[in-house]
């Protein structure tokens, strides 16, 4: 049994356009340098789909800035939920999880600092 959302044509459907990563870099004023700009220019463009389109690629970005020991269960749950949602629409979709974590230099970590001395 399959079910799909009823779809109504909207004004935004007529404004769909293709875009590429070079367009996004320009939109967000990223200074990539000539080499990286050339690499982005060689990548294919992506076509935006109307609301209700089948998911082909989905990227879920998560961050872990503190409490690294407590973060894995939360990150696992959030990324697994996203993957399940994406694959619920299209089992052949590419579901990508991106996790960013801080990693302080050993000399700046609070545990490695010498205790302060007061006179």
C-alpha atoms as a PDB file:
ATOM      1  CA  UNK A   1       0.000   0.000   0.000  1.00  0.00           C
ATOM      2  CA  UNK A   2       1.386   3.407  -0.920  1.00  0.00           C
ATOM      3  CA  UNK A   3       0.121   6.860  -0.147  1.00  0.00           C
ATOM      4  CA  UNK A   4       1.281  10.232  -1.338  1.00  0.00           C
ATOM      5  CA  UNK A   5       0.368  13.738  -0.302  1.00  0.00           C
ATOM      6  CA  UNK A   6      -2.263  15.362  -2.480  1.00  0.00           C
ATOM      7  CA  UNK A   7      -0.563  17.958  -4.614  1.00  0.00           C
ATOM      8  CA  UNK A   8      -1.934  21.275  -5.755  1.00  0.00           C
ATOM      9  CA  UNK A   9      -0.109  23.463  -8.211  1.00  0.00           C
ATOM     10  CA  UNK A  10       1.131  26.628  -6.578  1.00  0.00           C
ATOM     11  CA  UNK A  11       2.659  29.824  -7.863  1.00  0.00           C
ATOM     12  CA  UNK A  12       6.025  28.766  -6.470  1.00  0.00           C
ATOM     13  CA  UNK A  13       6.070  25.709  -8.793  1.00  0.00           C
ATOM     14  CA  UNK A  14       6.376  27.984 -11.810  1.00  0.00           C
ATOM     15  CA  UNK A  15       9.438  29.699 -10.320  1.00  0.00           C
ATOM     16  CA  UNK A  16      11.527  26.537  -9.965  1.00  0.00           C
ATOM     17  CA  UNK A  17      14.998  26.849 -11.354  1.00  0.00           C
ATOM     18  CA  UNK A  18      18.264  25.018 -11.477  1.00  0.00           C
ATOM     19  CA  UNK A  19      21.090  25.983  -9.147  1.00  0.00           C
ATOM     20  CA  UNK A  20      24.599  24.871  -8.424  1.00  0.00           C
ATOM     21  CA  UNK A  21      27.023  25.081  -5.555  1.00  0.00           C
ATOM     22  CA  UNK A  22      28.841  27.991  -7.197  1.00  0.00           C
ATOM     23  CA  UNK A  23      25.562  29.969  -7.042  1.00  0.00           C
ATOM     24  CA  UNK A  24      25.237  29.163  -3.337  1.00  0.00           C
ATOM     25  CA  UNK A  25      28.840  30.199  -2.679  1.00  0.00           C
ATOM     26  CA  UNK A  26      28.193  33.533  -4.394  1.00  0.00           C
ATOM     27  CA  UNK A  27      24.879  34.024  -2.555  1.00  0.00           C
ATOM     28  CA  UNK A  28      26.546  33.557   0.841  1.00  0.00           C
ATOM     29  CA  UNK A  29      29.680  35.555  -0.128  1.00  0.00           C
ATOM     30  CA  UNK A  30      32.079  32.649   0.449  1.00  0.00           C
ATOM     31  CA  UNK A  31      35.681  33.438  -0.456  1.00  0.00           C
ATOM     32  CA  UNK A  32      36.734  30.132  -2.018  1.00  0.00           C
ATOM     33  CA  UNK A  33      39.741  31.137  -4.051  1.00  0.00           C
ATOM     34  CA  UNK A  34      40.243  30.497  -7.761  1.00  0.00           C
ATOM     35  CA  UNK A  35      41.001  26.761  -7.441  1.00  0.00           C
ATOM     36  CA  UNK A  36      37.881  25.927  -5.440  1.00  0.00           C
ATOM     37  CA  UNK A  37      35.706  28.144  -7.647  1.00  0.00           C
ATOM     38  CA  UNK A  38      36.945  26.232 -10.711  1.00  0.00           C
ATOM     39  CA  UNK A  39      36.136  22.903  -9.024  1.00  0.00           C
ATOM     40  CA  UNK A  40      32.604  24.093  -8.171  1.00  0.00           C
ATOM     41  CA  UNK A  41      32.056  25.357 -11.713  1.00  0.00           C
ATOM     42  CA  UNK A  42      32.712  21.839 -13.067  1.00  0.00           C
ATOM     43  CA  UNK A  43      30.020  20.200 -10.895  1.00  0.00           C
ATOM     44  CA  UNK A  44      26.582  19.553 -12.428  1.00  0.00           C
ATOM     45  CA  UNK A  45      23.609  21.734 -11.592  1.00  0.00           C
ATOM     46  CA  UNK A  46      20.654  20.513  -9.559  1.00  0.00           C
ATOM     47  CA  UNK A  47      17.049  21.003 -10.551  1.00  0.00           C
ATOM     48  CA  UNK A  48      14.679  22.122  -7.822  1.00  0.00           C
ATOM     49  CA  UNK A  49      11.535  20.057  -7.565  1.00  0.00           C
ATOM     50  CA  UNK A  50       8.020  21.157  -6.694  1.00  0.00           C
ATOM     51  CA  UNK A  51       6.536  20.565  -3.252  1.00  0.00           C
ATOM     52  CA  UNK A  52       5.896  16.870  -2.783  1.00  0.00           C
ATOM     53  CA  UNK A  53       8.690  15.792  -5.118  1.00  0.00           C
ATOM     54  CA  UNK A  54      10.546  12.573  -4.414  1.00  0.00           C
ATOM     55  CA  UNK A  55      13.672  13.033  -2.325  1.00  0.00           C
ATOM     56  CA  UNK A  56      16.868  12.131  -4.178  1.00  0.00           C
ATOM     57  CA  UNK A  57      19.532  13.556  -1.836  1.00  0.00           C
ATOM     58  CA  UNK A  58      19.102  14.806   1.727  1.00  0.00           C
ATOM     59  CA  UNK A  59      21.821  16.204   3.986  1.00  0.00           C
ATOM     60  CA  UNK A  60      21.279  16.518   7.725  1.00  0.00           C
ATOM     61  CA  UNK A  61      23.871  18.633   9.562  1.00  0.00           C
ATOM     62  CA  UNK A  62      24.314  18.359  13.319  1.00  0.00           C
ATOM     63  CA  UNK A  63      26.726  20.057  15.659  1.00  0.00           C
ATOM     64  CA  UNK A  64      28.349  18.965  18.884  1.00  0.00           C
ATOM     65  CA  UNK A  65      30.104  21.860  20.561  1.00  0.00           C
ATOM     66  CA  UNK A  66      30.225  20.712  24.173  1.00  0.00           C
ATOM     67  CA  UNK A  67      29.428  17.674  26.304  1.00  0.00           C
ATOM     68  CA  UNK A  68      30.994  15.304  23.772  1.00  0.00           C
ATOM     69  CA  UNK A  69      30.517  12.306  26.056  1.00  0.00           C
ATOM     70  CA  UNK A  70      26.741  12.875  26.277  1.00  0.00           C
ATOM     71  CA  UNK A  71      26.231  13.768  22.593  1.00  0.00           C
ATOM     72  CA  UNK A  72      26.424  10.392  20.767  1.00  0.00           C
ATOM     73  CA  UNK A  73      22.940   9.114  21.785  1.00  0.00           C
ATOM     74  CA  UNK A  74      21.334  12.408  20.744  1.00  0.00           C
ATOM     75  CA  UNK A  75      23.240  12.568  17.463  1.00  0.00           C
ATOM     76  CA  UNK A  76      22.468   8.931  16.686  1.00  0.00           C
ATOM     77  CA  UNK A  77      18.761   9.431  17.365  1.00  0.00           C
ATOM     78  CA  UNK A  78      18.476  12.614  15.290  1.00  0.00           C
ATOM     79  CA  UNK A  79      20.443  11.254  12.328  1.00  0.00           C
ATOM     80  CA  UNK A  80      18.635   7.906  12.377  1.00  0.00           C
ATOM     81  CA  UNK A  81      15.270   9.675  12.447  1.00  0.00           C
ATOM     82  CA  UNK A  82      16.256  11.791   9.455  1.00  0.00           C
ATOM     83  CA  UNK A  83      17.475   8.755   7.532  1.00  0.00           C
ATOM     84  CA  UNK A  84      14.252   6.900   8.265  1.00  0.00           C
ATOM     85  CA  UNK A  85      12.198   9.861   7.035  1.00  0.00           C
ATOM     86  CA  UNK A  86      14.215  10.203   3.816  1.00  0.00           C
ATOM     87  CA  UNK A  87      14.113   6.485   3.058  1.00  0.00           C
ATOM     88  CA  UNK A  88      10.404   6.405   3.860  1.00  0.00           C
ATOM     89  CA  UNK A  89       9.921   8.500   0.721  1.00  0.00           C
ATOM     90  CA  UNK A  90      12.517   6.868  -1.522  1.00  0.00           C
ATOM     91  CA  UNK A  91      14.559   3.827  -0.497  1.00  0.00           C
ATOM     92  CA  UNK A  92      17.119   4.703  -3.188  1.00  0.00           C
ATOM     93  CA  UNK A  93      17.675   8.242  -1.912  1.00  0.00           C
ATOM     94  CA  UNK A  94      21.082   9.289  -0.682  1.00  0.00           C
ATOM     95  CA  UNK A  95      20.763  10.231   2.998  1.00  0.00           C
ATOM     96  CA  UNK A  96      23.881  12.006   4.258  1.00  0.00           C
ATOM     97  CA  UNK A  97      24.662  12.840   7.867  1.00  0.00           C
ATOM     98  CA  UNK A  98      27.224  15.521   8.648  1.00  0.00           C
ATOM     99  CA  UNK A  99      28.408  15.958  12.238  1.00  0.00           C
ATOM    100  CA  UNK A 100      30.592  18.872  13.287  1.00  0.00           C
ATOM    101  CA  UNK A 101      32.366  18.645  16.622  1.00  0.00           C
ATOM    102  CA  UNK A 102      34.685  21.061  18.339  1.00  0.00           C
ATOM    103  CA  UNK A 103      38.119  19.836  19.190  1.00  0.00           C
ATOM    104  CA  UNK A 104      40.060  22.218  21.398  1.00  0.00           C
ATOM    105  CA  UNK A 105      43.822  22.198  21.373  1.00  0.00           C
ATOM    106  CA  UNK A 106      45.145  20.273  24.379  1.00  0.00           C
ATOM    107  CA  UNK A 107      46.693  23.423  25.788  1.00  0.00           C
ATOM    108  CA  UNK A 108      43.343  25.243  25.784  1.00  0.00           C
ATOM    109  CA  UNK A 109      41.241  22.479  27.328  1.00  0.00           C
ATOM    110  CA  UNK A 110      40.152  23.398  30.878  1.00  0.00           C
ATOM    111  CA  UNK A 111      41.475  20.134  32.373  1.00  0.00           C
ATOM    112  CA  UNK A 112      44.956  20.754  31.001  1.00  0.00           C
ATOM    113  CA  UNK A 113      45.268  24.277  32.394  1.00  0.00           C
ATOM    114  CA  UNK A 114      47.391  24.665  35.489  1.00  0.00           C
ATOM    115  CA  UNK A 115      45.479  25.750  38.575  1.00  0.00           C
ATOM    116  CA  UNK A 116      45.512  29.480  39.126  1.00  0.00           C
ATOM    117  CA  UNK A 117      47.543  30.786  42.034  1.00  0.00           C
ATOM    118  CA  UNK A 118      46.447  33.763  44.026  1.00  0.00           C
ATOM    119  CA  UNK A 119      48.615  35.735  46.374  1.00  0.00           C
END
